[in-house]
Amino acid sequence: MKRLSILTIALLGACVSEQQPVTNLIVRPPADDPTPHGIAYVCDGRKEVAVVYAKNRASVTLDGRTWRLEYQPTDQGFRYVDATNEWAGRDDLATLRENGGSARPLAFNCRPTRRMV
């Protein structure tokens, strides 16, 4: 009887499939893609950043303010800048910061949450 119980448990364990974590990876378009692609990000402090990527530019909006940033090639990740701000990151993590000496972050640990129309 003991053998039967162990066999039953083993068979039941084999029938239960392990659920894979849900991954909602939203891929940023290539910098030179001319078609506009909008992506909404949520950052630390529940800040929301909306970004529209198109042809070596990114229009970045935070708290009703929008910056039009130019793509700058980088060895790792991505980087868009203008005279006052920088939108940069890697994979699915980004930061919006003031450009210059202080480099104060305006929004950090930003992760894509959905595509925008």
N, C-alpha and C. Protein backbone atom coordinates (compact mmCIF):
# COMPACT_ATOMS: atom_id res chain seq x y z
N MET A 1 0.83 -1.21 0.00
CA MET A 1 0.00 0.00 0.00
C MET A 1 0.86 1.25 0.00
N LYS A 2 1.97 1.21 0.75
CA LYS A 2 2.87 2.35 0.81
C LYS A 2 3.43 2.66 -0.57
N ARG A 3 3.79 1.60 -1.32
CA ARG A 3 4.31 1.79 -2.68
C ARG A 3 3.28 2.44 -3.58
N LEU A 4 2.05 2.04 -3.44
CA LEU A 4 0.97 2.59 -4.26
C LEU A 4 0.77 4.08 -3.97
N SER A 5 0.86 4.47 -2.70
CA SER A 5 0.71 5.88 -2.33
C SER A 5 1.83 6.72 -2.91
N ILE A 6 3.05 6.22 -2.84
CA ILE A 6 4.20 6.95 -3.39
C ILE A 6 4.07 7.07 -4.90
N LEU A 7 3.66 6.01 -5.56
CA LEU A 7 3.48 6.02 -7.00
C LEU A 7 2.37 7.00 -7.41
N THR A 8 1.29 7.02 -6.65
CA THR A 8 0.18 7.93 -6.94
C THR A 8 0.62 9.38 -6.81
N ILE A 9 1.33 9.69 -5.76
CA ILE A 9 1.83 11.05 -5.54
C ILE A 9 2.78 11.45 -6.66
N ALA A 10 3.67 10.54 -7.06
CA ALA A 10 4.61 10.84 -8.14
C ALA A 10 3.88 11.10 -9.45
N LEU A 11 2.87 10.28 -9.75
CA LEU A 11 2.12 10.47 -10.98
C LEU A 11 1.33 11.78 -10.97
N LEU A 12 0.72 12.11 -9.83
CA LEU A 12 -0.01 13.37 -9.73
C LEU A 12 0.92 14.57 -9.88
N GLY A 13 2.10 14.46 -9.30
CA GLY A 13 3.09 15.53 -9.42
C GLY A 13 3.51 15.73 -10.86
N ALA A 14 3.62 14.67 -11.61
CA ALA A 14 4.00 14.77 -13.02
C ALA A 14 2.90 15.39 -13.87
N CYS A 15 1.66 15.26 -13.44
CA CYS A 15 0.53 15.80 -14.20
C CYS A 15 0.37 17.30 -14.02
N VAL A 16 0.86 17.84 -12.92
CA VAL A 16 0.74 19.27 -12.66
C VAL A 16 1.83 20.00 -13.43
N SER A 17 1.42 20.84 -14.35
CA SER A 17 2.42 21.56 -15.14
C SER A 17 2.84 22.81 -14.39
N GLU A 18 4.13 23.10 -14.48
CA GLU A 18 4.66 24.28 -13.82
C GLU A 18 4.30 25.49 -14.66
N GLN A 19 3.67 26.49 -14.05
CA GLN A 19 3.29 27.68 -14.79
C GLN A 19 4.50 28.58 -14.95
N GLN A 20 4.67 29.07 -16.17
CA GLN A 20 5.75 30.01 -16.45
C GLN A 20 5.30 31.40 -16.03
N PRO A 21 6.24 32.23 -15.55
CA PRO A 21 5.85 33.59 -15.19
C PRO A 21 5.40 34.35 -16.43
N VAL A 22 4.42 35.21 -16.23
CA VAL A 22 3.91 36.01 -17.34
C VAL A 22 4.91 37.13 -17.62
N THR A 23 5.39 37.18 -18.83
CA THR A 23 6.34 38.21 -19.22
C THR A 23 5.68 39.11 -20.24
N ASN A 24 5.65 40.37 -19.93
CA ASN A 24 5.03 41.34 -20.81
C ASN A 24 6.13 42.24 -21.36
N LEU A 25 7.06 41.66 -22.09
CA LEU A 25 8.18 42.41 -22.62
C LEU A 25 7.71 43.29 -23.77
N ILE A 26 7.91 44.57 -23.62
CA ILE A 26 7.54 45.53 -24.66
C ILE A 26 8.85 46.03 -25.24
N VAL A 27 9.10 45.66 -26.47
CA VAL A 27 10.38 45.97 -27.11
C VAL A 27 10.36 47.37 -27.69
N ARG A 28 11.39 48.13 -27.37
CA ARG A 28 11.57 49.46 -27.93
C ARG A 28 11.97 49.30 -29.39
N PRO A 29 11.43 50.12 -30.30
CA PRO A 29 11.76 49.98 -31.72
C PRO A 29 13.21 50.40 -32.00
N PRO A 30 13.77 49.96 -33.11
CA PRO A 30 15.10 50.43 -33.49
C PRO A 30 15.09 51.95 -33.65
N ALA A 31 16.19 52.60 -33.33
CA ALA A 31 16.25 54.06 -33.36
C ALA A 31 15.90 54.64 -34.72
N ASP A 32 16.27 53.96 -35.80
CA ASP A 32 16.04 54.52 -37.13
C ASP A 32 14.69 54.14 -37.74
N ASP A 33 13.81 53.50 -36.99
CA ASP A 33 12.49 53.13 -37.48
C ASP A 33 11.65 54.42 -37.67
N PRO A 34 11.18 54.69 -38.89
CA PRO A 34 10.42 55.92 -39.12
C PRO A 34 8.98 55.89 -38.59
N THR A 35 8.46 54.71 -38.29
CA THR A 35 7.08 54.59 -37.81
C THR A 35 7.01 54.94 -36.33
N PRO A 36 6.16 55.88 -35.92
CA PRO A 36 6.04 56.21 -34.49
C PRO A 36 5.52 55.02 -33.66
N HIS A 37 6.18 54.80 -32.54
CA HIS A 37 5.79 53.75 -31.58
C HIS A 37 5.72 54.38 -30.20
N GLY A 38 4.55 54.33 -29.57
CA GLY A 38 4.39 54.88 -28.24
C GLY A 38 4.43 53.80 -27.18
N ILE A 39 5.15 54.09 -26.10
CA ILE A 39 5.25 53.16 -24.98
C ILE A 39 5.05 53.94 -23.68
N ALA A 40 4.19 53.43 -22.81
CA ALA A 40 3.96 54.02 -21.49
C ALA A 40 4.85 53.30 -20.48
N TYR A 41 5.50 54.08 -19.62
CA TYR A 41 6.39 53.55 -18.58
C TYR A 41 5.86 53.95 -17.21
N VAL A 42 6.08 53.10 -16.21
CA VAL A 42 5.82 53.45 -14.82
C VAL A 42 7.15 53.39 -14.10
N CYS A 43 7.43 54.45 -13.33
CA CYS A 43 8.72 54.61 -12.67
C CYS A 43 8.55 54.58 -11.15
N ASP A 44 9.68 54.58 -10.44
CA ASP A 44 9.62 54.65 -8.98
C ASP A 44 8.80 55.88 -8.57
N GLY A 45 8.08 55.75 -7.48
CA GLY A 45 7.21 56.82 -7.03
C GLY A 45 5.93 56.92 -7.84
N ARG A 46 5.65 55.87 -8.63
CA ARG A 46 4.44 55.77 -9.46
C ARG A 46 4.35 56.90 -10.49
N LYS A 47 5.51 57.43 -10.88
CA LYS A 47 5.53 58.43 -11.94
C LYS A 47 5.30 57.74 -13.27
N GLU A 48 4.57 58.42 -14.15
CA GLU A 48 4.29 57.87 -15.47
C GLU A 48 5.00 58.69 -16.53
N VAL A 49 5.70 57.99 -17.42
CA VAL A 49 6.41 58.62 -18.53
C VAL A 49 5.87 58.01 -19.81
N ALA A 50 5.49 58.87 -20.75
CA ALA A 50 5.03 58.42 -22.06
C ALA A 50 6.11 58.79 -23.08
N VAL A 51 6.46 57.82 -23.91
CA VAL A 51 7.52 58.05 -24.90
C VAL A 51 7.03 57.61 -26.27
N VAL A 52 7.23 58.48 -27.26
CA VAL A 52 6.95 58.13 -28.64
C VAL A 52 8.28 58.14 -29.38
N TYR A 53 8.67 56.97 -29.87
CA TYR A 53 9.92 56.81 -30.61
C TYR A 53 9.63 56.88 -32.10
N ALA A 54 10.46 57.62 -32.86
CA ALA A 54 10.33 57.66 -34.33
C ALA A 54 11.56 58.31 -34.94
N LYS A 55 12.17 57.64 -35.87
CA LYS A 55 13.28 58.13 -36.69
C LYS A 55 14.33 58.92 -35.90
N ASN A 56 15.05 58.22 -35.04
CA ASN A 56 16.16 58.79 -34.27
C ASN A 56 15.75 59.89 -33.29
N ARG A 57 14.48 59.87 -32.88
CA ARG A 57 13.99 60.83 -31.89
C ARG A 57 13.07 60.13 -30.89
N ALA A 58 12.94 60.76 -29.74
CA ALA A 58 11.99 60.29 -28.74
C ALA A 58 11.31 61.52 -28.14
N SER A 59 10.00 61.55 -28.17
CA SER A 59 9.23 62.59 -27.49
C SER A 59 8.85 62.03 -26.14
N VAL A 60 9.43 62.59 -25.10
CA VAL A 60 9.27 62.08 -23.73
C VAL A 60 8.40 63.04 -22.94
N THR A 61 7.31 62.52 -22.35
CA THR A 61 6.37 63.35 -21.59
C THR A 61 6.30 62.88 -20.15
N LEU A 62 6.47 63.84 -19.23
CA LEU A 62 6.37 63.59 -17.79
C LEU A 62 5.66 64.79 -17.17
N ASP A 63 4.62 64.54 -16.40
CA ASP A 63 3.89 65.61 -15.68
C ASP A 63 3.47 66.76 -16.60
N GLY A 64 3.00 66.43 -17.80
CA GLY A 64 2.51 67.45 -18.72
C GLY A 64 3.59 68.19 -19.49
N ARG A 65 4.84 67.88 -19.25
CA ARG A 65 5.95 68.50 -19.99
C ARG A 65 6.51 67.50 -20.98
N THR A 66 6.80 67.96 -22.20
CA THR A 66 7.32 67.08 -23.24
C THR A 66 8.65 67.61 -23.75
N TRP A 67 9.60 66.70 -23.89
CA TRP A 67 10.91 67.00 -24.45
C TRP A 67 11.10 66.19 -25.71
N ARG A 68 11.65 66.80 -26.74
CA ARG A 68 11.96 66.10 -27.98
C ARG A 68 13.47 65.85 -27.97
N LEU A 69 13.83 64.59 -27.80
CA LEU A 69 15.22 64.22 -27.63
C LEU A 69 15.75 63.51 -28.87
N GLU A 70 17.04 63.69 -29.13
CA GLU A 70 17.70 63.08 -30.29
C GLU A 70 18.48 61.84 -29.85
N TYR A 71 18.44 60.83 -30.70
CA TYR A 71 19.16 59.59 -30.42
C TYR A 71 20.67 59.82 -30.46
N GLN A 72 21.37 59.24 -29.50
CA GLN A 72 22.83 59.27 -29.45
C GLN A 72 23.32 57.83 -29.35
N PRO A 73 24.12 57.38 -30.30
CA PRO A 73 24.63 56.00 -30.23
C PRO A 73 25.40 55.78 -28.93
N THR A 74 25.26 54.58 -28.42
CA THR A 74 25.95 54.20 -27.19
C THR A 74 26.34 52.73 -27.28
N ASP A 75 27.36 52.34 -26.53
CA ASP A 75 27.82 50.94 -26.56
C ASP A 75 26.79 49.98 -25.98
N GLN A 76 26.07 50.44 -24.97
CA GLN A 76 25.09 49.58 -24.30
C GLN A 76 23.78 50.32 -24.15
N GLY A 77 22.69 49.65 -24.41
CA GLY A 77 21.38 50.23 -24.18
C GLY A 77 21.01 51.29 -25.19
N PHE A 78 20.36 52.36 -24.71
CA PHE A 78 19.91 53.44 -25.57
C PHE A 78 20.07 54.77 -24.86
N ARG A 79 20.12 55.85 -25.65
CA ARG A 79 20.29 57.19 -25.07
C ARG A 79 19.71 58.22 -26.04
N TYR A 80 18.80 59.06 -25.52
CA TYR A 80 18.22 60.17 -26.26
C TYR A 80 18.47 61.42 -25.43
N VAL A 81 18.95 62.50 -26.06
CA VAL A 81 19.30 63.71 -25.30
C VAL A 81 18.89 64.98 -26.03
N ASP A 82 18.79 66.07 -25.27
CA ASP A 82 18.73 67.42 -25.80
C ASP A 82 19.62 68.26 -24.90
N ALA A 83 19.52 69.58 -24.97
CA ALA A 83 20.39 70.44 -24.18
C ALA A 83 20.11 70.35 -22.68
N THR A 84 18.91 69.90 -22.30
CA THR A 84 18.56 69.92 -20.87
C THR A 84 18.27 68.57 -20.24
N ASN A 85 17.91 67.54 -21.04
CA ASN A 85 17.49 66.26 -20.46
C ASN A 85 18.03 65.06 -21.22
N GLU A 86 17.96 63.92 -20.56
CA GLU A 86 18.42 62.66 -21.13
C GLU A 86 17.45 61.55 -20.77
N TRP A 87 17.07 60.73 -21.75
CA TRP A 87 16.26 59.52 -21.55
C TRP A 87 17.18 58.38 -21.94
N ALA A 88 17.58 57.57 -20.98
CA ALA A 88 18.56 56.51 -21.27
C ALA A 88 18.24 55.27 -20.46
N GLY A 89 18.69 54.15 -20.96
CA GLY A 89 18.47 52.91 -20.24
C GLY A 89 19.00 51.71 -20.99
N ARG A 90 18.54 50.57 -20.52
CA ARG A 90 18.99 49.31 -21.07
C ARG A 90 17.87 48.30 -20.91
N ASP A 91 17.66 47.49 -21.92
CA ASP A 91 16.62 46.47 -21.90
C ASP A 91 15.27 47.10 -21.53
N ASP A 92 14.72 46.72 -20.36
CA ASP A 92 13.40 47.24 -19.98
C ASP A 92 13.48 48.16 -18.76
N LEU A 93 14.58 48.88 -18.60
CA LEU A 93 14.76 49.79 -17.48
C LEU A 93 15.35 51.10 -17.98
N ALA A 94 14.71 52.23 -17.64
CA ALA A 94 15.17 53.53 -18.15
C ALA A 94 15.09 54.60 -17.07
N THR A 95 15.76 55.74 -17.35
CA THR A 95 15.77 56.88 -16.44
C THR A 95 15.68 58.16 -17.25
N LEU A 96 14.88 59.10 -16.77
CA LEU A 96 14.83 60.44 -17.33
C LEU A 96 15.54 61.34 -16.33
N ARG A 97 16.58 62.06 -16.81
CA ARG A 97 17.33 62.92 -15.89
C ARG A 97 17.70 64.22 -16.58
N GLU A 98 17.98 65.21 -15.74
CA GLU A 98 18.49 66.47 -16.26
C GLU A 98 19.87 66.22 -16.82
N ASN A 99 20.16 66.84 -17.93
CA ASN A 99 21.46 66.70 -18.57
C ASN A 99 22.38 67.77 -18.00
N GLY A 100 23.60 67.42 -17.75
CA GLY A 100 24.54 68.41 -17.25
C GLY A 100 25.17 68.00 -15.96
N GLY A 101 25.69 68.98 -15.23
CA GLY A 101 26.46 68.74 -14.02
C GLY A 101 25.75 67.96 -12.94
N SER A 102 24.52 68.35 -12.61
CA SER A 102 23.82 67.69 -11.51
C SER A 102 23.26 66.33 -11.91
N ALA A 103 22.84 66.19 -13.17
CA ALA A 103 22.23 64.94 -13.68
C ALA A 103 21.15 64.43 -12.74
N ARG A 104 20.36 65.35 -12.20
CA ARG A 104 19.29 65.00 -11.26
C ARG A 104 18.23 64.15 -11.96
N PRO A 105 17.90 62.97 -11.40
CA PRO A 105 16.86 62.15 -12.02
C PRO A 105 15.48 62.77 -11.83
N LEU A 106 14.73 62.82 -12.92
CA LEU A 106 13.34 63.28 -12.87
C LEU A 106 12.40 62.09 -12.69
N ALA A 107 12.77 60.95 -13.28
CA ALA A 107 12.02 59.69 -13.15
C ALA A 107 13.03 58.57 -13.33
N PHE A 108 13.03 57.60 -12.41
CA PHE A 108 14.02 56.53 -12.50
C PHE A 108 13.38 55.16 -12.26
N ASN A 109 14.12 54.13 -12.65
CA ASN A 109 13.62 52.75 -12.62
C ASN A 109 12.31 52.65 -13.39
N CYS A 110 12.29 53.22 -14.57
CA CYS A 110 11.09 53.23 -15.42
C CYS A 110 11.02 51.93 -16.21
N ARG A 111 9.87 51.28 -16.13
CA ARG A 111 9.65 50.01 -16.84
C ARG A 111 8.45 50.15 -17.77
N PRO A 112 8.58 49.61 -18.98
CA PRO A 112 7.45 49.69 -19.92
C PRO A 112 6.27 48.89 -19.41
N THR A 113 5.07 49.47 -19.54
CA THR A 113 3.87 48.76 -19.07
C THR A 113 2.89 48.46 -20.18
N ARG A 114 2.86 49.32 -21.22
CA ARG A 114 1.91 49.06 -22.31
C ARG A 114 2.30 49.90 -23.52
N ARG A 115 1.80 49.46 -24.65
CA ARG A 115 1.94 50.23 -25.89
C ARG A 115 0.85 51.28 -25.92
N MET A 116 1.17 52.43 -26.51
CA MET A 116 0.18 53.51 -26.65
C MET A 116 -0.19 53.61 -28.13
N VAL A 117 -1.40 54.06 -28.38
CA VAL A 117 -1.86 54.23 -29.76
C VAL A 117 -1.41 55.58 -30.27
